[in-house]
Amino acid sequence: LPATMIRIAALGQEEEEDKAITKEKLEGELLVSYKNAITTAANVDGTIEDHLTKAAVLFRNIVDDDLLQTSITSDSGNEVLRKVKYLSCKNLGSTLAQLNKRREALEYLLMAAKFAFADFSLWFEVGCVSFFSSTNEPPISLQIARRAFEKCLEIYPTHLKS
């Protein structure tokens, strides 16, 4: 009887090890995807719009990844994956803003803010996306823009652009 219990315990331990290996593999693949997205964002090939659209697709795939959706929140989870999610949201928001998809950009920038509340450059970008438009559209939200610029100045009081 004790030998059977030891074998059952060993099987349970093997299953846990397999899950850990699988999760580590998924994390590694996610980091490679992030590196590819950054490389794509940095290297312009073709038209700027095509380039930005490709980068946005790659960043969105990372943000929507099942591993990030199920295991990462703004206040818990693997620190590396939290940073990947934050940076992917921020980069996706910035990319969408450059494509003049301001409302969608704002959504992802605010999602990023949940992970790095003290990033003054993020708050400045939130303010700019909320307020300014390259196509003479009205501001998305003056209240969000004002609060974002105020937050930027709270974090970095000498930030002249805010």
Protein backbone atom coordinates (compact mmCIF):
# COMPACT_ATOMS: atom_id res chain seq x y z
CA LEU A 1 0.00 0.00 0.00
CA PRO A 2 2.71 2.59 0.78
CA ALA A 3 4.47 1.79 -2.53
CA THR A 4 1.24 2.53 -4.41
CA MET A 5 0.88 5.87 -2.61
CA ILE A 6 4.47 6.76 -3.50
CA ARG A 7 3.82 5.97 -7.18
CA ILE A 8 0.64 8.09 -7.17
CA ALA A 9 2.53 10.95 -5.53
CA ALA A 10 5.32 10.61 -8.10
CA LEU A 11 2.79 10.73 -10.95
CA GLY A 12 1.24 13.87 -9.49
CA GLN A 13 4.68 15.46 -9.22
CA GLU A 14 5.48 14.58 -12.85
CA GLU A 15 2.24 16.22 -13.99
CA GLU A 16 3.15 19.41 -12.08
CA GLU A 17 6.62 19.42 -13.66
CA ASP A 18 5.09 18.96 -17.15
CA LYS A 19 2.74 21.91 -16.53
CA ALA A 20 5.65 24.08 -15.39
CA ILE A 21 7.68 23.16 -18.48
CA THR A 22 4.72 23.88 -20.75
CA LYS A 23 4.07 27.25 -19.08
CA GLU A 24 7.77 28.15 -19.35
CA LYS A 25 7.69 27.22 -23.04
CA LEU A 26 4.63 29.42 -23.60
CA GLU A 27 6.29 32.29 -21.73
CA GLY A 28 9.39 31.89 -23.92
CA GLU A 29 7.30 31.92 -27.08
CA LEU A 30 5.50 35.03 -25.88
CA LEU A 31 8.82 36.81 -25.29
CA VAL A 32 9.95 35.85 -28.80
CA SER A 33 6.67 37.23 -30.18
CA TYR A 34 7.23 40.49 -28.29
CA LYS A 35 10.77 40.76 -29.67
CA ASN A 36 9.41 40.19 -33.20
CA ALA A 37 6.75 42.87 -32.69
CA ILE A 38 9.34 45.38 -31.48
CA THR A 39 11.62 44.54 -34.41
CA THR A 40 8.73 44.98 -36.84
CA ALA A 41 7.78 48.29 -35.23
CA ALA A 42 11.37 49.55 -35.54
CA ASN A 43 12.05 48.45 -39.13
CA VAL A 44 9.99 50.24 -41.74
CA ASP A 45 9.43 48.22 -44.88
CA GLY A 46 6.87 49.35 -47.41
CA THR A 47 4.51 52.20 -46.59
CA ILE A 48 4.37 53.62 -43.08
CA GLU A 49 0.70 52.65 -42.79
CA ASP A 50 1.39 49.03 -43.77
CA HIS A 51 4.32 48.90 -41.38
CA LEU A 52 2.25 50.28 -38.48
CA THR A 53 -0.64 47.96 -39.28
CA LYS A 54 1.68 44.92 -39.17
CA ALA A 55 3.13 46.06 -35.85
CA ALA A 56 -0.37 46.65 -34.43
CA VAL A 57 -1.43 43.11 -35.40
CA LEU A 58 1.63 41.63 -33.67
CA PHE A 59 1.13 43.67 -30.49
CA ARG A 60 -2.59 42.83 -30.43
CA ASN A 61 -1.80 39.11 -30.73
CA ILE A 62 0.43 39.41 -27.66
CA VAL A 63 -2.13 41.39 -25.64
CA ASP A 64 -4.83 38.86 -26.56
CA ASP A 65 -2.64 35.83 -25.83
CA ASP A 66 -4.39 33.25 -23.61
CA LEU A 67 -1.46 33.08 -21.19
CA LEU A 68 -1.62 36.83 -20.55
CA GLN A 69 -5.40 36.84 -20.41
CA THR A 70 -5.61 34.09 -17.81
CA SER A 71 -2.57 34.56 -15.59
CA ILE A 72 -1.75 38.27 -15.52
CA THR A 73 -3.63 41.07 -13.79
CA SER A 74 -2.53 44.58 -12.95
CA ASP A 75 -1.56 43.50 -9.45
CA SER A 76 -0.55 39.85 -9.71
CA GLY A 77 1.26 37.36 -11.90
CA ASN A 78 4.72 36.72 -13.24
CA GLU A 79 6.68 40.02 -13.25
CA VAL A 80 8.22 39.45 -16.69
CA LEU A 81 4.83 38.68 -18.22
CA ARG A 82 3.31 41.71 -16.48
CA LYS A 83 5.97 43.89 -18.15
CA VAL A 84 5.34 42.23 -21.51
CA LYS A 85 1.62 42.93 -21.18
CA TYR A 86 2.23 46.53 -20.11
CA LEU A 87 4.70 47.22 -22.91
CA SER A 88 2.53 45.48 -25.49
CA CYS A 89 -0.52 47.53 -24.46
CA LYS A 90 1.53 50.75 -24.51
CA ASN A 91 3.11 49.97 -27.88
CA LEU A 92 -0.21 48.90 -29.36
CA GLY A 93 -1.82 52.12 -28.13
CA SER A 94 1.02 54.21 -29.58
CA THR A 95 0.84 52.36 -32.89
CA LEU A 96 -2.94 52.76 -33.13
CA ALA A 97 -2.58 56.47 -32.34
CA GLN A 98 -0.16 56.82 -35.25
CA LEU A 99 -2.76 55.12 -37.43
CA ASN A 100 -5.23 57.75 -36.14
CA LYS A 101 -7.38 55.11 -34.41
CA ARG A 102 -7.55 57.32 -31.34
CA ARG A 103 -10.41 55.72 -29.40
CA GLU A 104 -8.92 52.26 -29.72
CA ALA A 105 -5.47 53.66 -28.91
CA LEU A 106 -6.82 55.28 -25.76
CA GLU A 107 -8.34 51.97 -24.66
CA TYR A 108 -4.97 50.20 -24.81
CA LEU A 109 -3.04 53.10 -23.29
CA LEU A 110 -5.41 53.12 -20.31
CA MET A 111 -5.02 49.34 -20.06
CA ALA A 112 -1.25 49.87 -19.89
CA ALA A 113 -1.71 52.47 -17.17
CA LYS A 114 -3.14 49.76 -14.90
CA PHE A 115 0.31 48.15 -14.95
CA ALA A 116 2.54 51.23 -14.68
CA PHE A 117 0.59 53.99 -12.99
CA ALA A 118 3.74 56.09 -12.48
CA ASP A 119 4.91 56.26 -16.13
CA PHE A 120 4.75 59.97 -16.93
CA SER A 121 5.37 59.39 -20.66
CA LEU A 122 2.36 57.07 -20.79
CA TRP A 123 0.14 59.68 -19.12
CA PHE A 124 1.42 62.34 -21.52
CA GLU A 125 0.50 60.10 -24.44
CA VAL A 126 -2.96 59.44 -22.94
CA GLY A 127 -3.46 63.21 -22.73
CA CYS A 128 -2.32 63.78 -26.29
CA VAL A 129 -4.46 60.98 -27.73
CA SER A 130 -7.48 62.22 -25.76
CA PHE A 131 -7.06 65.82 -26.86
CA PHE A 132 -5.21 66.18 -30.15
CA SER A 133 -6.11 64.88 -33.59
CA SER A 134 -4.30 65.00 -36.91
CA THR A 135 -7.63 65.14 -38.76
CA ASN A 136 -9.30 68.03 -36.92
CA GLU A 137 -11.66 65.72 -35.04
CA PRO A 138 -12.92 67.01 -31.72
CA PRO A 139 -11.15 65.80 -28.56
CA ILE A 140 -12.20 62.37 -27.34
CA SER A 141 -12.44 63.61 -23.77
CA LEU A 142 -11.25 66.88 -22.32
CA GLN A 143 -11.63 65.40 -18.83
CA ILE A 144 -9.38 62.44 -19.58
CA ALA A 145 -6.86 64.70 -21.30
CA ARG A 146 -6.78 67.13 -18.37
CA ARG A 147 -6.45 64.37 -15.78
CA ALA A 148 -3.72 62.65 -17.80
CA PHE A 149 -1.68 65.85 -18.13
CA GLU A 150 -2.17 66.53 -14.40
CA LYS A 151 -1.02 62.99 -13.57
CA CYS A 152 2.02 63.49 -15.79
CA LEU A 153 2.90 66.66 -13.86
CA GLU A 154 2.35 64.92 -10.50
CA ILE A 155 4.91 62.31 -11.50
CA TYR A 156 7.32 64.68 -13.27
CA PRO A 157 6.63 68.29 -12.21
CA THR A 158 9.12 69.84 -14.65
CA HIS A 159 7.72 68.11 -17.74
CA LEU A 160 7.37 71.16 -19.96
CA LYS A 161 5.11 69.64 -22.62
CA SER A 162 2.40 68.84 -20.06
